[in-house]
N, C-alpha and C. Protein backbone atom coordinates (compact mmCIF):
# COMPACT_ATOMS: atom_id res chain seq x y z
N MET A 1 0.82 -1.27 -0.03
CA MET A 1 -0.09 0.03 -0.02
C MET A 1 1.07 1.33 0.03
N ALA A 2 1.92 1.24 0.97
CA ALA A 2 2.99 2.34 0.93
C ALA A 2 3.49 2.63 -0.37
N LEU A 3 3.83 1.53 -1.17
CA LEU A 3 4.44 1.78 -2.11
C LEU A 3 3.76 2.31 -3.38
N LEU A 4 2.46 2.03 -3.30
CA LEU A 4 1.53 2.82 -4.35
C LEU A 4 1.22 4.23 -4.06
N VAL A 5 1.28 4.53 -2.63
CA VAL A 5 1.21 5.81 -2.35
C VAL A 5 2.27 6.92 -2.92
N ILE A 6 3.52 6.17 -2.65
CA ILE A 6 4.95 6.95 -3.19
C ILE A 6 4.78 6.77 -4.54
N ALA A 7 4.36 5.89 -5.19
CA ALA A 7 4.32 5.76 -6.77
C ALA A 7 3.49 6.85 -7.18
N ILE A 8 2.23 7.14 -6.85
CA ILE A 8 1.40 8.10 -6.97
C ILE A 8 2.02 9.52 -6.73
N VAL A 9 2.54 9.78 -5.59
CA VAL A 9 3.16 11.20 -5.34
C VAL A 9 4.33 11.39 -6.34
N VAL A 10 5.21 10.46 -6.63
CA VAL A 10 6.33 10.72 -7.57
C VAL A 10 5.61 11.23 -8.92
N LEU A 11 4.58 10.33 -9.35
CA LEU A 11 4.15 10.43 -10.82
C LEU A 11 3.43 11.97 -10.57
N VAL A 12 2.80 12.29 -9.57
CA VAL A 12 2.30 13.78 -9.47
C VAL A 12 3.27 14.93 -9.60
N LEU A 13 4.46 14.71 -8.82
CA LEU A 13 5.53 15.63 -8.56
C LEU A 13 6.17 15.71 -10.09
N PHE A 14 6.48 14.82 -10.64
CA PHE A 14 7.49 14.70 -11.77
C PHE A 14 6.87 14.55 -13.11
N GLY A 15 5.70 14.11 -13.22
CA GLY A 15 4.84 13.97 -14.43
C GLY A 15 5.21 12.63 -15.09
N ARG A 16 4.39 12.22 -16.04
CA ARG A 16 4.55 10.76 -16.49
C ARG A 16 5.73 10.82 -17.63
N GLY A 17 6.06 11.75 -18.33
CA GLY A 17 7.03 12.01 -19.36
C GLY A 17 8.40 11.71 -18.42
N LYS A 18 8.48 12.53 -17.52
CA LYS A 18 9.83 12.52 -16.80
C LYS A 18 9.99 11.08 -16.01
N VAL A 19 9.02 10.63 -15.58
CA VAL A 19 9.18 9.21 -14.82
C VAL A 19 9.56 8.10 -15.72
N SER A 20 8.79 8.24 -17.13
CA SER A 20 9.29 7.18 -18.27
C SER A 20 10.56 7.39 -18.67
N SER A 21 11.02 8.48 -18.80
CA SER A 21 12.30 8.95 -19.06
C SER A 21 13.35 8.54 -18.41
N LEU A 22 13.06 8.55 -16.89
CA LEU A 22 13.99 8.22 -16.03
C LEU A 22 14.01 6.59 -16.00
N MET A 23 12.95 6.00 -16.00
CA MET A 23 12.82 4.53 -16.14
C MET A 23 13.76 3.94 -17.20
N GLY A 24 13.41 4.63 -18.41
CA GLY A 24 14.36 4.42 -19.50
C GLY A 24 15.68 4.42 -19.40
N GLU A 25 16.28 5.53 -18.62
CA GLU A 25 17.68 5.71 -18.52
C GLU A 25 18.15 4.37 -17.63
N PHE A 26 17.39 4.31 -16.45
CA PHE A 26 17.56 3.22 -15.57
C PHE A 26 17.87 1.84 -16.19
N GLY A 27 16.80 1.63 -17.29
CA GLY A 27 17.01 0.32 -17.55
C GLY A 27 18.09 0.32 -18.71
N LYS A 28 18.68 1.19 -19.40
CA LYS A 28 19.70 1.39 -20.20
C LYS A 28 21.14 1.03 -19.40
N GLY A 29 21.11 1.54 -18.00
CA GLY A 29 22.03 1.55 -17.18
C GLY A 29 22.41 0.18 -16.84
N ILE A 30 21.24 -0.57 -16.40
CA ILE A 30 21.28 -1.83 -15.91
C ILE A 30 21.66 -2.66 -17.01
N THR A 31 21.14 -2.46 -18.48
CA THR A 31 21.88 -3.28 -19.48
C THR A 31 22.99 -3.07 -19.82
N ALA A 32 23.60 -1.92 -19.68
CA ALA A 32 25.06 -1.64 -20.01
C ALA A 32 25.83 -2.27 -18.82
N PHE A 33 25.46 -2.23 -17.63
CA PHE A 33 26.02 -3.16 -16.33
C PHE A 33 26.29 -4.45 -16.74
N LYS A 34 25.15 -5.15 -17.09
CA LYS A 34 25.27 -6.58 -17.47
C LYS A 34 26.23 -6.80 -18.44
N LYS A 35 26.07 -5.91 -19.58
CA LYS A 35 26.99 -6.22 -20.91
C LYS A 35 28.37 -6.01 -20.42
N GLY A 36 28.63 -5.27 -19.49
CA GLY A 36 30.00 -5.16 -18.90
C GLY A 36 30.50 -6.24 -18.01
N LEU A 37 29.61 -6.89 -17.39
CA LEU A 37 29.96 -8.16 -16.34
C LEU A 37 29.99 -9.18 -17.42
N ASN A 38 29.43 -9.47 -18.57
CA ASN A 38 29.65 -10.37 -19.39
C ASN A 38 30.81 -10.12 -20.15
N ASP A 39 31.34 -9.03 -20.65
CA ASP A 39 32.47 -8.66 -21.42
C ASP A 39 33.79 -9.14 -20.40
N GLY A 40 33.74 -8.67 -19.16
CA GLY A 40 34.78 -8.96 -18.24
C GLY A 40 34.96 -10.43 -17.94
N THR A 41 33.79 -11.22 -18.01
CA THR A 41 33.83 -12.61 -17.62
C THR A 41 34.49 -13.28 -18.81
N SER A 42 34.22 -13.05 -20.16
CA SER A 42 34.84 -13.47 -21.42
C SER A 42 36.18 -13.05 -21.52
N GLU A 43 36.55 -11.86 -21.24
CA GLU A 43 37.99 -11.44 -21.24
C GLU A 43 38.72 -12.42 -20.22
N THR A 44 38.13 -12.55 -18.88
CA THR A 44 38.86 -13.45 -17.84
C THR A 44 38.96 -14.78 -18.30
N ASN A 45 37.90 -15.28 -19.13
CA ASN A 45 38.02 -16.73 -19.77
C ASN A 45 39.20 -16.93 -20.62
N ALA A 46 39.09 -15.84 -21.44
CA ALA A 46 40.33 -15.66 -22.45
C ALA A 46 41.45 -15.78 -21.92
N GLU A 47 41.81 -14.98 -20.97
CA GLU A 47 42.98 -14.93 -20.31
C GLU A 47 43.41 -16.12 -19.59
N ARG A 48 42.43 -16.70 -19.04
CA ARG A 48 42.76 -18.11 -18.32
C ARG A 48 42.93 -19.30 -19.29
N ASN A 49 42.37 -19.11 -20.45
CA ASN A 49 42.67 -20.28 -21.50
C ASN A 49 44.03 -20.05 -22.11
N ALA A 50 44.38 -18.58 -22.47
CA ALA A 50 45.70 -18.35 -22.88
C ALA A 50 46.89 -18.89 -21.73
N ALA A 51 46.50 -18.48 -20.76
CA ALA A 51 47.65 -18.95 -19.61
C ALA A 51 47.63 -20.48 -19.41
N LEU A 52 46.71 -21.32 -19.69
CA LEU A 52 46.45 -22.80 -19.69
C LEU A 52 47.21 -23.25 -20.96
N ASP A 53 47.19 -22.65 -21.93
CA ASP A 53 48.09 -22.97 -23.29
C ASP A 53 49.72 -22.89 -23.12
N LYS A 54 49.90 -22.10 -22.06
CA LYS A 54 51.33 -21.82 -21.86
C LYS A 54 52.15 -23.10 -21.33
N PRO A 55 53.31 -23.62 -21.78
CA PRO A 55 54.03 -24.53 -21.15
C PRO A 55 54.54 -24.18 -19.70
N VAL A 56 54.44 -24.94 -18.83
CA VAL A 56 54.99 -24.56 -17.35
C VAL A 56 56.34 -24.92 -17.10
N GLN A 57 57.17 -24.18 -16.74
CA GLN A 57 58.31 -24.60 -16.40
C GLN A 57 58.56 -24.67 -14.98
N PRO A 58 59.25 -25.66 -14.72
CA PRO A 58 59.69 -26.09 -13.29
C PRO A 58 60.41 -24.94 -12.54
N ILE A 59 59.84 -25.01 -11.15
CA ILE A 59 60.55 -23.89 -10.47
C ILE A 59 61.77 -24.39 -9.77
N GLN A 60 63.03 -23.50 -10.05
CA GLN A 60 64.18 -23.85 -9.66
C GLN A 60 64.63 -23.20 -8.43
N PRO A 61 64.92 -23.92 -7.28
CA PRO A 61 65.44 -23.10 -6.18
C PRO A 61 66.46 -22.08 -6.34
N VAL A 62 66.47 -21.18 -5.59
CA VAL A 62 67.55 -20.07 -5.51
C VAL A 62 68.70 -20.46 -4.57
N PRO A 63 69.75 -20.57 -5.15
CA PRO A 63 70.82 -21.13 -4.04
C PRO A 63 71.01 -20.06 -3.13
N GLY A 64 71.40 -20.76 -1.82
CA GLY A 64 71.33 -20.09 -0.68
C GLY A 64 70.04 -19.79 0.13
N THR A 65 68.95 -20.17 -0.37
CA THR A 65 67.71 -19.81 0.27
C THR A 65 67.00 -20.87 0.80
N GLU A 66 67.81 -22.23 1.06
CA GLU A 66 67.13 -23.64 1.69
C GLU A 66 66.80 -22.89 3.13
N ALA A 67 65.52 -23.77 3.53
CA ALA A 67 65.13 -23.64 4.65
C ALA A 67 66.15 -23.89 5.89
N ARG A 68 66.38 -23.22 6.92
CA ARG A 68 67.26 -23.77 8.02
C ARG A 68 66.50 -23.32 9.47
N ASP A 69 66.93 -24.01 10.37
CA ASP A 69 66.30 -23.70 11.84
C ASP A 69 66.92 -22.74 12.49
N VAL A 70 66.39 -21.54 12.81
CA VAL A 70 67.08 -20.36 13.24
C VAL A 70 66.57 -20.16 14.64
N THR A 71 65.98 -21.41 15.48
CA THR A 71 65.66 -21.20 16.77
C THR A 71 66.77 -21.00 17.77
N PRO A 72 66.95 -20.30 18.56
CA PRO A 72 67.87 -20.06 19.53
C PRO A 72 68.18 -21.24 20.41
N GLN A 73 69.45 -21.96 20.64
CA GLN A 73 69.38 -23.24 21.27
C GLN A 73 69.87 -23.07 22.69
N ASN A 74 70.06 -21.80 23.22
CA ASN A 74 70.53 -21.54 24.50
C ASN A 74 69.38 -21.06 25.40
N GLU A 75 68.20 -20.76 24.92
CA GLU A 75 67.21 -20.26 25.80
C GLU A 75 66.32 -21.46 26.00
N PRO A 76 65.60 -21.66 26.97
CA PRO A 76 64.63 -22.66 27.33
C PRO A 76 63.47 -22.60 26.68
N ARG A 77 62.98 -23.66 26.10
CA ARG A 77 61.63 -23.42 25.60
C ARG A 77 60.50 -23.77 26.54
N VAL A 78 59.39 -22.87 26.34
CA VAL A 78 58.27 -23.03 27.38
C VAL A 78 57.31 -23.95 26.63
């Protein structure tokens, strides 16, 4: 009921032409937003497929970066 009252007040204040124009622009905005989402998804899929097509080279360890224990030996452990 409240939405109907609000709709009537808006229609009286702005007129039918202004409201229909506003709704048309709103619809165009939603359409453009959905198109942008789909374009972004297709670009992401294309990038992922291109990355999957590349051969993967094994990772070589950098000399001198091996893991080592750096815990102090002279302090009591809790």
